Amino acid sequence: MTEHPGEAAPAERNVPAATRPATGTGGGQDRRETDEGLEELPPNLTQAILEATKQVASLLKGAGHPFALAGSVAVYAHGGPGNLQHDADFCILPEDADTVAATLRDAGLEVYTPPEDWLLKARCMGQDIDLIFELARQPVTRELLGRAEELPVESVRMPVLSVTDLLASLLNAFTEHHCDFGAVLPIARALREKVDWSRVRRECGSAPMPDAFLYLLERLQVISPEDDDRGGRP
């Protein structure tokens, strides 16, 4: 596998696309006719990302690769905010990385290895695709993929990370250098009724940044305070 020429490497490690700042437009553009001829309209980036997501998912399903949709498109599939501004993320098993890459290359997609050692990248229909085999510094496992839910992304059904795993991955990605609560807060608000918050606390709450975010959710009354022997937080 070769590195993609001219591709800027993301600064954050294991940061889901749902929390990364937008880096451009991309995608196909519609046109409208004016007195001066055809004029390009601003690209519908959300639709372009969804079309690329459906194409890649269909290829992975057809080849029998275990996978689950992650990131901002997974949030969208679960009913969360739908203003997509980033790439599409797919979780795959580490041992399947080479065969997944071969499947996509055989279908005519460009697949390349970025400097980061936890994912592969691809291009589909002008959009970036992340093929992640280490999510929030933890290897993708069959257990994680087994908890995925079969959901439609427009007209194509595909496995999507469970809401609880999705929120846990977003919180576990917080670090001292990347801790954008503002990006994750609307996701937590929109999906709060579907999340097993007790499991999120068990898996994330011992780290200071996720714990601070959970406390913020409590203060904003997005979630209830944790019940423990002390009657909650002091």
Foldseek 3Di string as FASTA:
>chain_A
DAADPPDDDDPAPQAFQLQDDFDDAWFDWDWDQDPVGIDTDRDQRLVRQLVQVQVLQVLCVVVVFQKAWAGPLLLVQLPADRRDRAHTEMEGAPVCQVVSCVSCVVVVWDKHDHPDPFWIWIADNGGIYTYGQAHLNHGDDPVQSVQFDFTDSVPDTGTHGFLQVRLLSNQSSDDPVRQCLVSCVRSCLRCVVRYPVVVSCVSRVVDVRSVVSVVVCCVVVSDPFDQDPVRGDD
